[in-house]
């Protein structure tokens, strides 16, 4: 036997029916605090510092990847075995 029930309600109605709390006011307050902190930090940083803070691992990873590719290419082409020279 198969029974299917379709319920047409909004998320607010479903939350109220299931007895779940409304967390929207808390989310709004937290997002406002987060926005204020981000704005204060962004105003205190210059673009170069911001990039170093947010992207250090990806930039270093890209540089290491570049060095690896170049060393593999020079080795494959029979060039200098030491990529630092």
C-alpha atoms as a PDB file:
ATOM      1  CA  UNK A   1       0.000   0.000   0.000  1.00  0.00           C
ATOM      2  CA  UNK A   2       1.292   3.400  -0.879  1.00  0.00           C
ATOM      3  CA  UNK A   3      -0.016   6.614   0.642  1.00  0.00           C
ATOM      4  CA  UNK A   4       1.079  10.031  -0.451  1.00  0.00           C
ATOM      5  CA  UNK A   5       0.152  13.344   1.088  1.00  0.00           C
ATOM      6  CA  UNK A   6       0.798  16.724  -0.511  1.00  0.00           C
ATOM      7  CA  UNK A   7       1.005  19.680   1.842  1.00  0.00           C
ATOM      8  CA  UNK A   8       1.028  23.155   0.410  1.00  0.00           C
ATOM      9  CA  UNK A   9       2.412  25.615   2.952  1.00  0.00           C
ATOM     10  CA  UNK A  10       5.089  28.229   3.339  1.00  0.00           C
ATOM     11  CA  UNK A  11       8.287  27.567   5.306  1.00  0.00           C
ATOM     12  CA  UNK A  12       6.966  29.821   8.100  1.00  0.00           C
ATOM     13  CA  UNK A  13       3.760  27.795   8.320  1.00  0.00           C
ATOM     14  CA  UNK A  14       5.673  24.506   8.379  1.00  0.00           C
ATOM     15  CA  UNK A  15       8.026  25.795  11.101  1.00  0.00           C
ATOM     16  CA  UNK A  16       5.079  26.916  13.241  1.00  0.00           C
ATOM     17  CA  UNK A  17       3.244  23.619  12.685  1.00  0.00           C
ATOM     18  CA  UNK A  18       6.304  21.582  13.706  1.00  0.00           C
ATOM     19  CA  UNK A  19       6.986  23.808  16.722  1.00  0.00           C
ATOM     20  CA  UNK A  20      10.401  24.978  15.531  1.00  0.00           C
ATOM     21  CA  UNK A  21      11.686  28.366  16.691  1.00  0.00           C
ATOM     22  CA  UNK A  22      11.917  31.370  14.392  1.00  0.00           C
ATOM     23  CA  UNK A  23      15.665  32.092  14.189  1.00  0.00           C
ATOM     24  CA  UNK A  24      15.429  34.921  11.645  1.00  0.00           C
ATOM     25  CA  UNK A  25      15.872  37.739  14.230  1.00  0.00           C
ATOM     26  CA  UNK A  26      19.004  36.019  15.578  1.00  0.00           C
ATOM     27  CA  UNK A  27      20.373  35.502  12.054  1.00  0.00           C
ATOM     28  CA  UNK A  28      19.723  39.156  11.204  1.00  0.00           C
ATOM     29  CA  UNK A  29      21.547  40.335  14.339  1.00  0.00           C
ATOM     30  CA  UNK A  30      24.539  38.073  13.658  1.00  0.00           C
ATOM     31  CA  UNK A  31      24.746  39.144  10.019  1.00  0.00           C
ATOM     32  CA  UNK A  32      24.683  42.810  11.085  1.00  0.00           C
ATOM     33  CA  UNK A  33      27.574  42.199  13.525  1.00  0.00           C
ATOM     34  CA  UNK A  34      29.505  40.316  10.860  1.00  0.00           C
ATOM     35  CA  UNK A  35      28.961  43.110   8.358  1.00  0.00           C
ATOM     36  CA  UNK A  36      30.183  45.755  10.830  1.00  0.00           C
ATOM     37  CA  UNK A  37      33.325  43.733  11.635  1.00  0.00           C
ATOM     38  CA  UNK A  38      34.120  43.153   7.973  1.00  0.00           C
ATOM     39  CA  UNK A  39      33.650  46.821   7.145  1.00  0.00           C
ATOM     40  CA  UNK A  40      35.947  47.853  10.013  1.00  0.00           C
ATOM     41  CA  UNK A  41      38.642  45.360   8.947  1.00  0.00           C
ATOM     42  CA  UNK A  42      38.441  46.293   5.284  1.00  0.00           C
ATOM     43  CA  UNK A  43      38.787  50.006   6.056  1.00  0.00           C
ATOM     44  CA  UNK A  44      41.848  49.295   8.204  1.00  0.00           C
ATOM     45  CA  UNK A  45      43.668  47.338   5.471  1.00  0.00           C
ATOM     46  CA  UNK A  46      45.307  48.429   2.294  1.00  0.00           C
ATOM     47  CA  UNK A  47      44.778  46.253  -0.820  1.00  0.00           C
ATOM     48  CA  UNK A  48      48.182  44.540  -0.613  1.00  0.00           C
ATOM     49  CA  UNK A  49      47.695  43.510   3.030  1.00  0.00           C
ATOM     50  CA  UNK A  50      44.182  42.321   2.250  1.00  0.00           C
ATOM     51  CA  UNK A  51      45.420  40.073  -0.554  1.00  0.00           C
ATOM     52  CA  UNK A  52      48.211  38.661   1.623  1.00  0.00           C
ATOM     53  CA  UNK A  53      45.690  37.931   4.381  1.00  0.00           C
ATOM     54  CA  UNK A  54      43.043  36.319   2.192  1.00  0.00           C
ATOM     55  CA  UNK A  55      45.065  34.536  -0.494  1.00  0.00           C
ATOM     56  CA  UNK A  56      48.432  33.422   0.900  1.00  0.00           C
ATOM     57  CA  UNK A  57      48.028  29.683   0.459  1.00  0.00           C
ATOM     58  CA  UNK A  58      46.638  29.833  -3.061  1.00  0.00           C
ATOM     59  CA  UNK A  59      49.343  32.209  -4.301  1.00  0.00           C
ATOM     60  CA  UNK A  60      52.155  30.169  -2.754  1.00  0.00           C
ATOM     61  CA  UNK A  61      50.581  27.004  -4.110  1.00  0.00           C
ATOM     62  CA  UNK A  62      50.431  28.491  -7.594  1.00  0.00           C
ATOM     63  CA  UNK A  63      54.093  29.552  -7.405  1.00  0.00           C
ATOM     64  CA  UNK A  64      55.121  26.068  -6.272  1.00  0.00           C
ATOM     65  CA  UNK A  65      53.056  24.525  -9.067  1.00  0.00           C
ATOM     66  CA  UNK A  66      54.747  26.844 -11.584  1.00  0.00           C
ATOM     67  CA  UNK A  67      58.216  25.853 -10.335  1.00  0.00           C
ATOM     68  CA  UNK A  68      57.288  22.175 -10.530  1.00  0.00           C
ATOM     69  CA  UNK A  69      56.066  22.498 -14.128  1.00  0.00           C
ATOM     70  CA  UNK A  70      59.199  24.424 -15.193  1.00  0.00           C
ATOM     71  CA  UNK A  71      61.524  21.901 -13.565  1.00  0.00           C
ATOM     72  CA  UNK A  72      59.675  19.023 -15.242  1.00  0.00           C
ATOM     73  CA  UNK A  73      59.826  20.752 -18.610  1.00  0.00           C
ATOM     74  CA  UNK A  74      63.571  21.457 -18.389  1.00  0.00           C
ATOM     75  CA  UNK A  75      64.268  17.895 -17.251  1.00  0.00           C
ATOM     76  CA  UNK A  76      62.128  16.459 -20.060  1.00  0.00           C
ATOM     77  CA  UNK A  77      63.878  18.634 -22.650  1.00  0.00           C
ATOM     78  CA  UNK A  78      67.295  17.463 -21.434  1.00  0.00           C
ATOM     79  CA  UNK A  79      68.163  20.863 -20.027  1.00  0.00           C
ATOM     80  CA  UNK A  80      69.803  21.806 -16.783  1.00  0.00           C
ATOM     81  CA  UNK A  81      69.046  19.251 -14.051  1.00  0.00           C
ATOM     82  CA  UNK A  82      69.121  21.886 -11.317  1.00  0.00           C
ATOM     83  CA  UNK A  83      66.210  24.361 -11.787  1.00  0.00           C
ATOM     84  CA  UNK A  84      67.881  26.939  -9.483  1.00  0.00           C
ATOM     85  CA  UNK A  85      70.801  27.517 -11.893  1.00  0.00           C
END
